[in-house]
Amino acid sequence: MRLFLAATALWGMTGVANATSIVAIKSGDDIYLGADSKVLIEKDVPISQCKITRMSDIFIIFSGMPSISAANFNAYEIAEASFAGKGTIAERVSAFDKAVQGKLQAAFERLRSTDPNHFSRWYTPDVANRIALQLLVAGAEKNGTVLTMLEYRIITPQNAPVELKGIRQEITTRKESNQPKILFLGMQDAINDLLKKKDFFSDFDEVRNINEWIMAEAAAEPSKVSGPVDILRISPKKTEWIQHKEQCPEVGDKPAKGSSHKTVQKKK
């Protein structure tokens, strides 16, 4: 994922065709997470799911392949163990990164060896778009909110043993800044087209823009992206749903007891 500065926003670009559309905005010390609802499981069967997951006091969203059942790999289980531990959000992100990368690499190598047709869905000529997994991590701490993106790219040729490159980005803004920073994960061709046609930044509205951007993808790729759109707002003193489905996690003081995603295998 590349990040570049526009007139009023920083946004991430990736052309990888995941069956998902995710938007994260950091505006001052507020974070907005938005995600569509469509998940493709075995044999590309679509289901509706809340993609914003609570792990202890942290909220995460995966894009890519968080579960490979044939390789006994489940990133949600690794995340539960990592984020339930003590330490700052940054320290727990580091713990997840350390725990997941080797297992993810081994899982994709097994996929390459046993199901090359499936593996080829991740293989593109441009290594920047050869993304195995992305993760957004967001939460609030004593000194403010934290938004981090982890990305794992396949950097080896298609006929060679899989090696991954991990990329970590801390998305920071000044607390009183009126210049939001924006990340797009998953599908975004329709969003890119819309950004060329319409000014979203002179009168910037996080909720309106997230809805319009994700639903543009849903209109363009209804077999891969669909509403409703879930939006979570994280501020230093309060976390709240702006809009959400019933199966989305509670955001009160009581910690979540685990992920509802353990058995779901997302398809490319």
Protein backbone atom coordinates (compact mmCIF):
# COMPACT_ATOMS: atom_id res chain seq x y z
CA MET A 1 0.00 0.00 0.00
CA ARG A 2 1.30 3.44 -0.94
CA LEU A 3 0.40 6.50 1.08
CA PHE A 4 0.43 9.92 -0.50
CA LEU A 5 -0.59 13.42 0.49
CA ALA A 6 -3.44 15.12 -1.35
CA ALA A 7 -4.72 18.65 -0.78
CA THR A 8 -6.46 17.78 2.48
CA ALA A 9 -6.05 14.07 3.00
CA LEU A 10 -3.64 11.19 3.08
CA TRP A 11 -4.94 8.02 1.55
CA GLY A 12 -3.61 4.56 0.80
CA MET A 13 -3.82 2.99 -2.62
CA THR A 14 -3.87 -0.67 -3.47
CA GLY A 15 -5.28 -2.44 -6.50
CA VAL A 16 -5.63 -5.87 -4.95
CA ALA A 17 -9.09 -7.32 -5.57
CA ASN A 18 -10.28 -8.45 -2.15
CA ALA A 19 -13.97 -9.09 -1.67
CA THR A 20 -14.19 -6.24 0.82
CA SER A 21 -14.19 -2.46 1.04
CA ILE A 22 -12.77 -0.78 4.15
CA VAL A 23 -12.20 2.87 4.98
CA ALA A 24 -10.33 4.26 8.00
CA ILE A 25 -10.16 7.99 8.74
CA LYS A 26 -8.11 9.70 11.43
CA SER A 27 -9.37 13.23 11.90
CA GLY A 28 -7.74 15.11 14.73
CA ASP A 29 -7.85 12.62 17.61
CA ASP A 30 -10.95 10.81 16.32
CA ILE A 31 -10.85 7.58 14.32
CA TYR A 32 -13.64 6.39 12.05
CA LEU A 33 -13.66 2.76 10.86
CA GLY A 34 -16.05 1.77 8.08
CA ALA A 35 -16.58 -1.59 6.39
CA ASP A 36 -19.01 -3.28 4.04
CA SER A 37 -20.79 -6.49 5.05
CA LYS A 38 -20.09 -9.09 2.36
CA VAL A 39 -17.79 -12.03 3.08
CA LEU A 40 -17.23 -14.86 0.60
CA ILE A 41 -16.67 -18.21 2.27
CA GLU A 42 -16.15 -21.71 0.80
CA LYS A 43 -17.15 -22.00 -2.87
CA ASP A 44 -17.61 -18.21 -2.92
CA VAL A 45 -20.84 -18.38 -0.94
CA PRO A 46 -21.70 -14.84 0.28
CA ILE A 47 -22.66 -14.13 3.87
CA SER A 48 -23.25 -10.88 5.77
CA GLN A 49 -20.82 -10.24 8.61
CA CYS A 50 -19.60 -7.40 10.81
CA LYS A 51 -15.95 -7.00 9.79
CA ILE A 52 -15.09 -4.66 12.67
CA THR A 53 -13.99 -7.00 15.46
CA ARG A 54 -13.34 -6.21 19.10
CA MET A 55 -10.25 -7.70 20.75
CA SER A 56 -10.11 -6.68 24.41
CA ASP A 57 -9.99 -2.85 24.31
CA ILE A 58 -8.91 -2.73 20.65
CA PHE A 59 -10.85 -2.87 17.38
CA ILE A 60 -9.45 -4.55 14.29
CA ILE A 61 -10.41 -5.16 10.65
CA PHE A 62 -8.79 -7.74 8.37
CA SER A 63 -8.54 -7.55 4.60
CA GLY A 64 -7.15 -10.40 2.54
CA MET A 65 -6.97 -13.98 3.85
CA PRO A 66 -7.26 -14.13 7.64
CA SER A 67 -8.13 -17.83 7.61
CA ILE A 68 -6.73 -20.72 5.55
CA SER A 69 -8.37 -23.87 6.87
CA ALA A 70 -6.30 -26.24 4.70
CA ALA A 71 -3.14 -24.85 6.32
CA ASN A 72 -4.57 -24.64 9.86
CA PHE A 73 -4.06 -20.87 9.87
CA ASN A 74 -6.38 -18.42 11.61
CA ALA A 75 -5.26 -14.83 12.12
CA TYR A 76 -8.25 -14.11 14.39
CA GLU A 77 -7.01 -16.65 16.92
CA ILE A 78 -3.50 -15.17 16.80
CA ALA A 79 -4.98 -11.69 17.25
CA GLU A 80 -7.04 -12.76 20.26
CA ALA A 81 -3.94 -14.08 22.00
CA SER A 82 -1.80 -11.07 21.07
CA PHE A 83 -4.24 -8.28 21.88
CA ALA A 84 -5.45 -9.84 25.12
CA GLY A 85 -1.98 -9.37 26.56
CA LYS A 86 -0.68 -6.45 28.57
CA GLY A 87 1.08 -3.42 27.14
CA THR A 88 0.37 -0.48 24.89
CA ILE A 89 -1.45 -0.89 21.62
CA ALA A 90 1.88 -0.51 19.79
CA GLU A 91 3.43 -3.27 21.90
CA ARG A 92 0.51 -5.61 21.26
CA VAL A 93 0.62 -4.86 17.52
CA SER A 94 4.29 -5.86 17.64
CA ALA A 95 3.37 -9.09 19.44
CA PHE A 96 0.79 -9.92 16.76
CA ASP A 97 3.25 -9.07 13.97
CA LYS A 98 5.87 -11.35 15.49
CA ALA A 99 3.40 -14.20 15.96
CA VAL A 100 1.61 -14.03 12.61
CA GLN A 101 4.18 -13.48 9.89
CA GLY A 102 5.90 -16.89 9.97
CA LYS A 103 2.60 -18.75 10.24
CA LEU A 104 1.06 -16.71 7.41
CA GLN A 105 4.10 -17.36 5.21
CA ALA A 106 3.95 -21.10 5.91
CA ALA A 107 0.20 -21.13 5.18
CA PHE A 108 0.65 -19.44 1.81
CA GLU A 109 3.53 -21.76 0.94
CA ARG A 110 1.27 -24.71 1.66
CA LEU A 111 -1.44 -23.12 -0.47
CA ARG A 112 1.07 -22.59 -3.31
CA SER A 113 2.20 -26.22 -3.09
CA THR A 114 -1.20 -27.87 -2.78
CA ASP A 115 -3.61 -25.55 -4.62
CA PRO A 116 -1.71 -23.45 -7.19
CA ASN A 117 -4.89 -22.29 -8.92
CA HIS A 118 -6.19 -20.79 -5.68
CA PHE A 119 -2.77 -19.33 -4.87
CA SER A 120 -2.65 -17.64 -8.29
CA ARG A 121 -5.47 -15.32 -7.19
CA TRP A 122 -2.92 -13.49 -5.01
CA TYR A 123 -0.21 -13.37 -7.65
CA THR A 124 -0.03 -10.18 -9.71
CA PRO A 125 2.90 -8.78 -11.71
CA ASP A 126 3.05 -5.75 -9.39
CA VAL A 127 4.45 -6.81 -6.01
CA ALA A 128 2.75 -3.80 -4.36
CA ASN A 129 -0.60 -5.43 -5.15
CA ARG A 130 0.43 -8.98 -4.16
CA ILE A 131 -1.09 -8.66 -0.69
CA ALA A 132 -1.63 -11.73 1.47
CA LEU A 133 -3.13 -9.93 4.46
CA GLN A 134 -3.81 -6.46 5.82
CA LEU A 135 -4.88 -5.48 9.31
CA LEU A 136 -6.15 -2.21 10.74
CA VAL A 137 -5.79 -1.78 14.50
CA ALA A 138 -7.47 1.09 16.35
CA GLY A 139 -8.02 2.08 19.94
CA ALA A 140 -7.77 4.78 22.57
CA GLU A 141 -5.04 5.22 25.20
CA LYS A 142 -4.21 7.77 27.86
CA ASN A 143 -2.33 9.95 25.36
CA GLY A 144 -4.91 9.75 22.58
CA THR A 145 -6.10 7.43 19.85
CA VAL A 146 -3.97 4.99 17.88
CA LEU A 147 -4.44 3.79 14.28
CA THR A 148 -1.99 1.28 12.80
CA MET A 149 -1.93 -0.66 9.55
CA LEU A 150 -0.04 -3.93 9.03
CA GLU A 151 0.42 -5.37 5.55
CA TYR A 152 2.06 -8.58 4.34
CA ARG A 153 3.10 -8.83 0.68
CA ILE A 154 4.23 -11.86 -1.30
CA ILE A 155 7.63 -10.82 -2.72
CA THR A 156 8.78 -14.05 -4.37
CA PRO A 157 8.12 -15.40 -7.90
CA GLN A 158 5.06 -17.58 -8.33
CA ASN A 159 7.10 -20.78 -8.74
CA ALA A 160 9.38 -20.11 -5.74
CA PRO A 161 8.83 -20.79 -2.03
CA VAL A 162 6.73 -18.01 -0.55
CA GLU A 163 8.41 -15.16 1.28
CA LEU A 164 6.51 -12.26 2.79
CA LYS A 165 7.48 -8.65 3.40
CA GLY A 166 5.82 -6.99 6.37
CA ILE A 167 4.96 -3.29 6.30
CA ARG A 168 3.80 -1.31 9.31
CA GLN A 169 2.41 2.21 9.25
CA GLU A 170 1.38 4.35 12.20
CA ILE A 171 -1.28 6.82 11.06
CA THR A 172 -0.78 10.01 13.05
CA THR A 173 -2.49 13.40 13.10
CA ARG A 174 -2.32 16.47 15.29
CA LYS A 175 -5.14 16.54 17.81
CA GLU A 176 -6.53 19.83 16.52
CA SER A 177 -5.81 19.16 12.84
CA ASN A 178 -8.55 19.63 10.26
CA GLN A 179 -6.65 17.59 7.68
CA PRO A 180 -7.88 13.98 7.87
CA LYS A 181 -5.76 11.01 6.93
CA ILE A 182 -7.55 8.25 5.06
CA LEU A 183 -6.80 4.60 4.36
CA PHE A 184 -8.63 2.48 1.78
CA LEU A 185 -8.23 -1.29 2.00
CA GLY A 186 -9.65 -3.91 -0.33
CA MET A 187 -11.51 -2.91 -3.47
CA GLN A 188 -11.39 0.73 -4.44
CA ASP A 189 -11.49 1.22 -8.20
CA ALA A 190 -14.95 2.81 -7.98
CA ILE A 191 -13.78 4.98 -5.07
CA ASN A 192 -10.82 6.20 -7.13
CA ASP A 193 -13.16 7.11 -10.00
CA LEU A 194 -15.47 8.95 -7.61
CA LEU A 195 -12.58 10.92 -6.07
CA LYS A 196 -11.68 12.20 -9.53
CA LYS A 197 -15.21 13.44 -10.15
CA LYS A 198 -16.29 14.92 -6.81
CA ASP A 199 -14.79 17.19 -4.17
CA PHE A 200 -15.16 15.43 -0.83
CA PHE A 201 -12.71 17.59 1.10
CA SER A 202 -13.89 21.19 1.08
CA ASP A 203 -16.87 20.16 3.25
CA PHE A 204 -15.49 16.98 4.77
CA ASP A 205 -17.97 14.69 6.55
CA GLU A 206 -16.48 11.39 7.73
CA VAL A 207 -19.71 9.42 8.00
CA ARG A 208 -21.23 10.66 4.77
CA ASN A 209 -18.01 10.03 2.86
CA ILE A 210 -17.48 6.51 4.23
CA ASN A 211 -21.03 5.57 3.26
CA GLU A 212 -20.72 7.06 -0.21
CA TRP A 213 -17.30 5.55 -0.92
CA ILE A 214 -18.14 2.01 0.20
CA MET A 215 -21.55 2.00 -1.49
CA ALA A 216 -19.88 3.14 -4.73
CA GLU A 217 -17.85 -0.07 -4.59
CA ALA A 218 -20.99 -2.05 -3.80
CA ALA A 219 -22.72 -0.61 -6.86
CA ALA A 220 -19.70 -1.35 -9.07
CA GLU A 221 -18.94 -4.85 -7.68
CA PRO A 222 -22.13 -6.21 -6.09
CA SER A 223 -20.82 -9.79 -6.15
CA LYS A 224 -17.89 -8.79 -3.91
CA VAL A 225 -19.02 -5.77 -1.86
CA SER A 226 -22.40 -5.00 -0.30
CA GLY A 227 -24.08 -3.00 2.42
CA PRO A 228 -25.07 -2.30 5.00
CA VAL A 229 -22.05 -0.25 6.03
CA ASP A 230 -20.87 -0.44 9.63
CA ILE A 231 -19.14 2.65 11.05
CA LEU A 232 -17.37 2.89 14.42
CA ARG A 233 -16.07 6.12 15.94
CA ILE A 234 -13.20 6.00 18.44
CA SER A 235 -12.35 9.13 20.40
CA PRO A 236 -10.10 9.54 23.47
CA LYS A 237 -13.03 9.40 25.91
CA LYS A 238 -15.71 7.46 24.06
CA THR A 239 -16.13 4.68 21.50
CA GLU A 240 -19.50 4.41 19.79
CA TRP A 241 -21.23 2.92 16.80
CA ILE A 242 -22.46 5.47 14.30
CA GLN A 243 -24.30 2.73 12.44
CA HIS A 244 -24.04 -1.06 12.72
CA LYS A 245 -25.66 -4.45 12.31
CA GLU A 246 -26.91 -6.48 15.28
CA GLN A 247 -23.99 -8.92 15.10
CA CYS A 248 -21.39 -6.18 15.59
CA PRO A 249 -19.61 -6.30 18.98
CA GLU A 250 -20.65 -4.24 21.97
CA VAL A 251 -18.52 -1.19 22.68
CA GLY A 252 -19.29 -0.70 26.38
CA ASP A 253 -16.90 -1.25 29.26
CA LYS A 254 -17.36 -5.03 29.32
CA PRO A 255 -14.60 -6.76 27.32
CA ALA A 256 -15.62 -8.95 24.42
CA LYS A 257 -15.19 -12.65 25.12
CA GLY A 258 -13.79 -13.52 21.72
CA SER A 259 -14.16 -13.26 18.01
CA SER A 260 -17.12 -14.47 16.00
CA HIS A 261 -14.85 -15.09 13.01
CA LYS A 262 -12.98 -18.24 13.99
CA THR A 263 -14.49 -20.54 11.39
CA VAL A 264 -14.87 -18.13 8.49
CA GLN A 265 -12.48 -18.50 5.59
CA LYS A 266 -12.58 -15.48 3.32
CA LYS A 267 -12.03 -16.05 -0.35
CA LYS A 268 -10.02 -13.96 -2.78
